[in-house]
């Protein structure tokens, strides 16, 4: 039950920023393993057109351990932030996603890196 309520609150938080239709379109674009492309996903869910404040809120949701960074284990479960039933990213998808957002090579994405590569 804890997991269900956790994901419900995450889903609700994102729904305040993204529409359900945007989330559905994003998830539909990467249902198959190794089909996730962060650029396509960000466009489909509308993240590329959100304000800095909205992107900071999304970052806060994705940063599940509240460390100020999104680490590889959090990226692996990235899609599940949008829907509890979504698949985990494959190792290859996770590493490519991390490499795209890790601007300083420290193995994690800071809030500034996240905003930069969403736009």
N, C-alpha and C. Protein backbone atom coordinates (compact mmCIF):
# COMPACT_ATOMS: atom_id res chain seq x y z
N UNK A 1 0.81 -1.19 0.00
CA UNK A 1 0.00 0.00 0.00
C UNK A 1 0.86 1.26 0.00
N UNK A 2 1.99 1.25 0.68
CA UNK A 2 2.87 2.42 0.70
C UNK A 2 3.27 2.81 -0.71
N UNK A 3 3.67 1.81 -1.52
CA UNK A 3 4.10 2.12 -2.89
C UNK A 3 2.96 2.73 -3.69
N UNK A 4 1.77 2.19 -3.52
CA UNK A 4 0.64 2.71 -4.28
C UNK A 4 0.39 4.18 -3.94
N UNK A 5 0.35 4.49 -2.66
CA UNK A 5 0.07 5.87 -2.28
C UNK A 5 1.22 6.79 -2.70
N UNK A 6 2.45 6.28 -2.65
CA UNK A 6 3.59 7.08 -3.09
C UNK A 6 3.43 7.43 -4.57
N UNK A 7 3.14 6.43 -5.40
CA UNK A 7 3.02 6.70 -6.83
C UNK A 7 1.80 7.55 -7.13
N UNK A 8 0.74 7.39 -6.38
CA UNK A 8 -0.44 8.22 -6.61
C UNK A 8 -0.10 9.68 -6.38
N UNK A 9 0.66 9.97 -5.32
CA UNK A 9 1.00 11.37 -5.05
C UNK A 9 1.94 11.91 -6.11
N UNK A 10 2.84 11.08 -6.61
CA UNK A 10 3.75 11.51 -7.68
C UNK A 10 2.94 11.79 -8.94
N UNK A 11 2.06 10.86 -9.31
CA UNK A 11 1.23 11.05 -10.49
C UNK A 11 0.43 12.34 -10.38
N UNK A 12 -0.17 12.59 -9.22
CA UNK A 12 -0.98 13.78 -9.02
C UNK A 12 -0.12 15.04 -9.14
N UNK A 13 1.07 14.99 -8.61
CA UNK A 13 1.96 16.16 -8.69
C UNK A 13 2.29 16.47 -10.14
N UNK A 14 2.58 15.45 -10.92
CA UNK A 14 2.89 15.67 -12.33
C UNK A 14 1.67 16.11 -13.12
N UNK A 15 0.50 15.61 -12.75
CA UNK A 15 -0.72 16.00 -13.46
C UNK A 15 -0.99 17.49 -13.28
N UNK A 16 -0.50 18.07 -12.19
CA UNK A 16 -0.64 19.51 -12.02
C UNK A 16 0.21 20.31 -12.99
N UNK A 17 1.20 19.66 -13.59
CA UNK A 17 2.12 20.33 -14.52
C UNK A 17 1.86 19.86 -15.95
N UNK A 18 1.60 18.57 -16.11
CA UNK A 18 1.38 17.95 -17.42
C UNK A 18 -0.06 17.44 -17.49
N UNK A 19 -0.62 17.41 -18.68
CA UNK A 19 -1.96 16.84 -18.83
C UNK A 19 -1.86 15.32 -18.92
N UNK A 20 -2.96 14.66 -18.60
CA UNK A 20 -2.98 13.20 -18.72
C UNK A 20 -2.73 12.77 -20.15
N UNK A 21 -3.22 13.54 -21.11
CA UNK A 21 -3.02 13.21 -22.52
C UNK A 21 -1.54 13.32 -22.89
N UNK A 22 -0.85 14.34 -22.37
CA UNK A 22 0.58 14.49 -22.64
C UNK A 22 1.36 13.31 -22.05
N UNK A 23 1.02 12.95 -20.83
CA UNK A 23 1.70 11.83 -20.17
C UNK A 23 1.47 10.54 -20.96
N UNK A 24 0.22 10.31 -21.38
CA UNK A 24 -0.10 9.11 -22.15
C UNK A 24 0.67 9.08 -23.47
N UNK A 25 0.77 10.22 -24.14
CA UNK A 25 1.49 10.28 -25.42
C UNK A 25 2.97 9.98 -25.21
N UNK A 26 3.54 10.52 -24.16
CA UNK A 26 4.94 10.27 -23.87
C UNK A 26 5.21 8.81 -23.60
N UNK A 27 4.37 8.21 -22.77
CA UNK A 27 4.57 6.79 -22.42
C UNK A 27 4.33 5.88 -23.62
N UNK A 28 3.38 6.25 -24.46
CA UNK A 28 3.10 5.43 -25.64
C UNK A 28 4.28 5.44 -26.61
N UNK A 29 5.06 6.52 -26.60
CA UNK A 29 6.17 6.65 -27.55
C UNK A 29 7.35 5.74 -27.20
N UNK A 30 7.32 5.12 -26.02
CA UNK A 30 8.49 4.33 -25.61
C UNK A 30 8.09 3.05 -24.87
N UNK A 31 7.02 2.42 -25.32
CA UNK A 31 6.56 1.20 -24.66
C UNK A 31 7.53 0.03 -24.82
N UNK A 32 8.12 -0.10 -25.98
CA UNK A 32 9.01 -1.23 -26.23
C UNK A 32 10.38 -0.98 -25.60
N UNK A 33 11.01 -2.06 -25.13
CA UNK A 33 12.35 -1.95 -24.55
C UNK A 33 13.30 -1.33 -25.57
N UNK A 34 14.18 -0.48 -25.11
CA UNK A 34 15.18 0.20 -25.94
C UNK A 34 14.58 1.17 -26.96
N UNK A 35 13.33 1.61 -26.73
CA UNK A 35 12.72 2.59 -27.63
C UNK A 35 12.67 3.98 -27.02
N UNK A 36 13.14 4.13 -25.77
CA UNK A 36 13.07 5.43 -25.09
C UNK A 36 14.09 6.40 -25.68
N UNK A 37 13.60 7.56 -26.10
CA UNK A 37 14.44 8.65 -26.57
C UNK A 37 14.01 9.87 -25.77
N UNK A 38 14.90 10.38 -24.92
CA UNK A 38 14.50 11.45 -24.02
C UNK A 38 13.99 12.68 -24.76
N UNK A 39 14.57 13.01 -25.91
CA UNK A 39 14.13 14.20 -26.65
C UNK A 39 12.68 14.04 -27.11
N UNK A 40 12.38 12.87 -27.68
CA UNK A 40 11.01 12.59 -28.13
C UNK A 40 10.06 12.61 -26.95
N UNK A 41 10.46 11.96 -25.85
CA UNK A 41 9.61 11.89 -24.67
C UNK A 41 9.30 13.29 -24.14
N UNK A 42 10.33 14.14 -24.01
CA UNK A 42 10.13 15.48 -23.47
C UNK A 42 9.18 16.30 -24.33
N UNK A 43 9.27 16.14 -25.67
CA UNK A 43 8.36 16.85 -26.57
C UNK A 43 6.94 16.30 -26.40
N UNK A 44 6.80 14.99 -26.37
CA UNK A 44 5.46 14.37 -26.28
C UNK A 44 4.74 14.78 -25.00
N UNK A 45 5.47 14.83 -23.88
CA UNK A 45 4.81 15.20 -22.61
C UNK A 45 4.77 16.71 -22.39
N UNK A 46 5.41 17.45 -23.28
CA UNK A 46 5.35 18.90 -23.21
C UNK A 46 6.35 19.54 -22.26
N UNK A 47 7.34 18.78 -21.78
CA UNK A 47 8.31 19.34 -20.85
C UNK A 47 9.16 20.44 -21.49
N UNK A 48 9.36 20.34 -22.79
CA UNK A 48 10.22 21.32 -23.47
C UNK A 48 9.58 22.70 -23.55
N UNK A 49 8.30 22.81 -23.21
CA UNK A 49 7.62 24.10 -23.26
C UNK A 49 7.22 24.61 -21.87
N UNK A 50 7.74 24.00 -20.83
CA UNK A 50 7.38 24.40 -19.47
C UNK A 50 8.33 25.48 -18.95
N UNK A 51 7.85 26.21 -17.96
CA UNK A 51 8.65 27.28 -17.36
C UNK A 51 9.75 26.70 -16.47
N UNK A 52 10.71 27.54 -16.10
CA UNK A 52 11.78 27.11 -15.20
C UNK A 52 11.21 26.61 -13.88
N UNK A 53 10.19 27.29 -13.37
CA UNK A 53 9.58 26.86 -12.10
C UNK A 53 8.93 25.50 -12.24
N UNK A 54 8.23 25.28 -13.35
CA UNK A 54 7.60 23.97 -13.57
C UNK A 54 8.65 22.89 -13.71
N UNK A 55 9.75 23.17 -14.43
CA UNK A 55 10.81 22.18 -14.58
C UNK A 55 11.47 21.88 -13.24
N UNK A 56 11.61 22.88 -12.39
CA UNK A 56 12.18 22.66 -11.07
C UNK A 56 11.27 21.75 -10.24
N UNK A 57 9.95 21.91 -10.40
CA UNK A 57 9.00 21.03 -9.69
C UNK A 57 9.12 19.59 -10.19
N UNK A 58 9.22 19.44 -11.50
CA UNK A 58 9.38 18.10 -12.08
C UNK A 58 10.68 17.48 -11.58
N UNK A 59 11.75 18.26 -11.57
CA UNK A 59 13.03 17.76 -11.07
C UNK A 59 12.88 17.27 -9.63
N UNK A 60 12.19 18.05 -8.80
CA UNK A 60 11.98 17.67 -7.41
C UNK A 60 11.23 16.35 -7.27
N UNK A 61 10.31 16.09 -8.18
CA UNK A 61 9.57 14.82 -8.16
C UNK A 61 10.49 13.67 -8.58
N UNK A 62 11.30 13.91 -9.61
CA UNK A 62 12.19 12.86 -10.11
C UNK A 62 13.33 12.56 -9.14
N UNK A 63 13.74 13.55 -8.37
CA UNK A 63 14.79 13.40 -7.37
C UNK A 63 14.18 12.78 -6.12
N UNK A 64 13.93 11.47 -6.19
CA UNK A 64 13.14 10.80 -5.16
C UNK A 64 13.81 10.78 -3.79
N UNK A 65 15.15 10.78 -3.75
CA UNK A 65 15.81 10.76 -2.45
C UNK A 65 16.14 12.17 -1.94
N UNK A 66 15.70 13.17 -2.70
CA UNK A 66 15.88 14.59 -2.33
C UNK A 66 17.33 14.96 -2.09
N UNK A 67 18.24 14.39 -2.90
CA UNK A 67 19.67 14.66 -2.77
C UNK A 67 20.09 15.92 -3.52
N UNK A 68 19.18 16.45 -4.35
CA UNK A 68 19.54 17.58 -5.21
C UNK A 68 20.05 17.14 -6.57
N UNK A 69 20.09 15.82 -6.77
CA UNK A 69 20.56 15.24 -8.03
C UNK A 69 19.66 14.08 -8.42
N UNK A 70 19.63 13.79 -9.71
CA UNK A 70 18.96 12.58 -10.19
C UNK A 70 20.06 11.60 -10.56
N UNK A 71 20.11 10.50 -9.82
CA UNK A 71 21.15 9.49 -10.03
C UNK A 71 20.64 8.39 -10.95
N UNK A 72 21.55 7.50 -11.33
CA UNK A 72 21.24 6.44 -12.29
C UNK A 72 20.06 5.58 -11.84
N UNK A 73 20.00 5.22 -10.55
CA UNK A 73 18.90 4.37 -10.09
C UNK A 73 17.56 5.08 -10.20
N UNK A 74 17.55 6.40 -10.03
CA UNK A 74 16.31 7.16 -10.19
C UNK A 74 15.93 7.28 -11.66
N UNK A 75 16.92 7.41 -12.53
CA UNK A 75 16.64 7.47 -13.97
C UNK A 75 16.07 6.16 -14.49
N UNK A 76 16.57 5.05 -13.98
CA UNK A 76 16.09 3.74 -14.42
C UNK A 76 14.57 3.64 -14.26
N UNK A 77 14.06 4.25 -13.19
CA UNK A 77 12.62 4.21 -12.90
C UNK A 77 11.91 5.48 -13.35
N UNK A 78 12.54 6.25 -14.22
CA UNK A 78 12.04 7.54 -14.69
C UNK A 78 10.58 7.47 -15.16
N UNK A 79 10.26 6.51 -16.03
CA UNK A 79 8.92 6.43 -16.60
C UNK A 79 7.86 6.15 -15.55
N UNK A 80 8.23 5.47 -14.49
CA UNK A 80 7.28 5.14 -13.44
C UNK A 80 6.85 6.36 -12.64
N UNK A 81 7.57 7.46 -12.78
CA UNK A 81 7.12 8.72 -12.18
C UNK A 81 5.89 9.26 -12.90
N UNK A 82 5.71 8.85 -14.14
CA UNK A 82 4.59 9.31 -14.94
C UNK A 82 3.41 8.35 -14.87
N UNK A 83 3.70 7.07 -14.65
CA UNK A 83 2.67 6.05 -14.47
C UNK A 83 3.28 4.87 -13.73
N UNK A 84 2.65 4.47 -12.64
CA UNK A 84 3.19 3.37 -11.82
C UNK A 84 3.32 2.08 -12.62
N UNK A 85 2.54 1.93 -13.68
CA UNK A 85 2.58 0.70 -14.47
C UNK A 85 3.59 0.77 -15.62
N UNK A 86 4.26 1.89 -15.78
CA UNK A 86 5.24 2.02 -16.87
C UNK A 86 6.45 1.12 -16.61
N UNK A 87 7.15 0.78 -17.67
CA UNK A 87 8.31 -0.10 -17.56
C UNK A 87 9.52 0.66 -17.03
N UNK A 88 10.49 -0.08 -16.51
CA UNK A 88 11.78 0.51 -16.16
C UNK A 88 12.58 0.69 -17.45
N UNK A 89 13.45 1.68 -17.48
CA UNK A 89 14.33 1.84 -18.63
C UNK A 89 15.36 0.72 -18.63
N UNK A 90 15.80 0.33 -19.81
CA UNK A 90 16.86 -0.67 -19.90
C UNK A 90 18.17 -0.02 -19.45
N UNK A 91 19.19 -0.84 -19.20
CA UNK A 91 20.48 -0.29 -18.79
C UNK A 91 21.04 0.65 -19.86
N UNK A 92 20.89 0.27 -21.13
CA UNK A 92 21.41 1.10 -22.22
C UNK A 92 20.67 2.44 -22.28
N UNK A 93 19.34 2.40 -22.13
CA UNK A 93 18.55 3.64 -22.14
C UNK A 93 18.94 4.53 -20.96
N UNK A 94 19.10 3.93 -19.80
CA UNK A 94 19.44 4.67 -18.59
C UNK A 94 20.79 5.36 -18.75
N UNK A 95 21.78 4.63 -19.25
CA UNK A 95 23.13 5.19 -19.42
C UNK A 95 23.14 6.31 -20.46
N UNK A 96 22.40 6.16 -21.54
CA UNK A 96 22.32 7.21 -22.57
C UNK A 96 21.62 8.45 -22.01
N UNK A 97 20.57 8.25 -21.25
CA UNK A 97 19.81 9.35 -20.63
C UNK A 97 20.71 10.09 -19.64
N UNK A 98 21.44 9.35 -18.83
CA UNK A 98 22.34 9.95 -17.85
C UNK A 98 23.43 10.75 -18.55
N UNK A 99 24.01 10.17 -19.59
CA UNK A 99 25.09 10.85 -20.31
C UNK A 99 24.60 12.17 -20.91
N UNK A 100 23.34 12.20 -21.36
CA UNK A 100 22.80 13.41 -21.98
C UNK A 100 22.62 14.54 -20.96
N UNK A 101 22.30 14.19 -19.73
CA UNK A 101 22.03 15.23 -18.73
C UNK A 101 23.15 15.51 -17.76
N UNK A 102 24.17 14.67 -17.77
CA UNK A 102 25.29 14.81 -16.83
C UNK A 102 26.32 15.75 -17.42
N UNK A 103 26.18 17.03 -17.12
CA UNK A 103 27.02 18.04 -17.76
C UNK A 103 28.45 18.08 -17.24
N UNK A 104 28.70 17.56 -16.03
CA UNK A 104 30.05 17.64 -15.49
C UNK A 104 30.72 16.29 -15.26
N UNK A 105 30.09 15.20 -15.72
CA UNK A 105 30.70 13.88 -15.66
C UNK A 105 30.76 13.25 -14.28
N UNK A 106 29.91 13.72 -13.35
CA UNK A 106 29.94 13.17 -11.99
C UNK A 106 28.99 11.99 -11.79
N UNK A 107 28.33 11.55 -12.87
CA UNK A 107 27.45 10.39 -12.79
C UNK A 107 26.06 10.69 -12.27
N UNK A 108 25.69 11.96 -12.24
CA UNK A 108 24.35 12.34 -11.81
C UNK A 108 23.96 13.64 -12.49
N UNK A 109 22.66 13.93 -12.46
CA UNK A 109 22.14 15.12 -13.12
C UNK A 109 21.70 16.11 -12.05
N UNK A 110 22.28 17.30 -12.09
CA UNK A 110 21.85 18.38 -11.20
C UNK A 110 20.70 19.14 -11.83
N UNK A 111 20.02 19.96 -11.06
CA UNK A 111 18.85 20.66 -11.56
C UNK A 111 19.20 21.53 -12.77
N UNK A 112 20.36 22.14 -12.82
CA UNK A 112 20.73 22.97 -13.97
C UNK A 112 20.92 22.13 -15.22
N UNK A 113 21.54 20.97 -15.08
CA UNK A 113 21.72 20.08 -16.22
C UNK A 113 20.40 19.59 -16.77
N UNK A 114 19.48 19.29 -15.88
CA UNK A 114 18.18 18.79 -16.29
C UNK A 114 17.45 19.85 -17.13
N UNK A 115 17.45 21.07 -16.65
CA UNK A 115 16.76 22.14 -17.39
C UNK A 115 17.41 22.35 -18.75
N UNK A 116 18.73 22.30 -18.80
CA UNK A 116 19.45 22.56 -20.04
C UNK A 116 19.13 21.51 -21.11
N UNK A 117 19.07 20.24 -20.72
CA UNK A 117 18.88 19.26 -21.79
C UNK A 117 17.42 18.96 -22.08
N UNK A 118 16.49 19.49 -21.28
CA UNK A 118 15.06 19.39 -21.62
C UNK A 118 14.72 20.38 -22.72
N UNK A 119 15.33 21.54 -22.68
CA UNK A 119 15.00 22.60 -23.66
C UNK A 119 15.55 22.32 -25.03
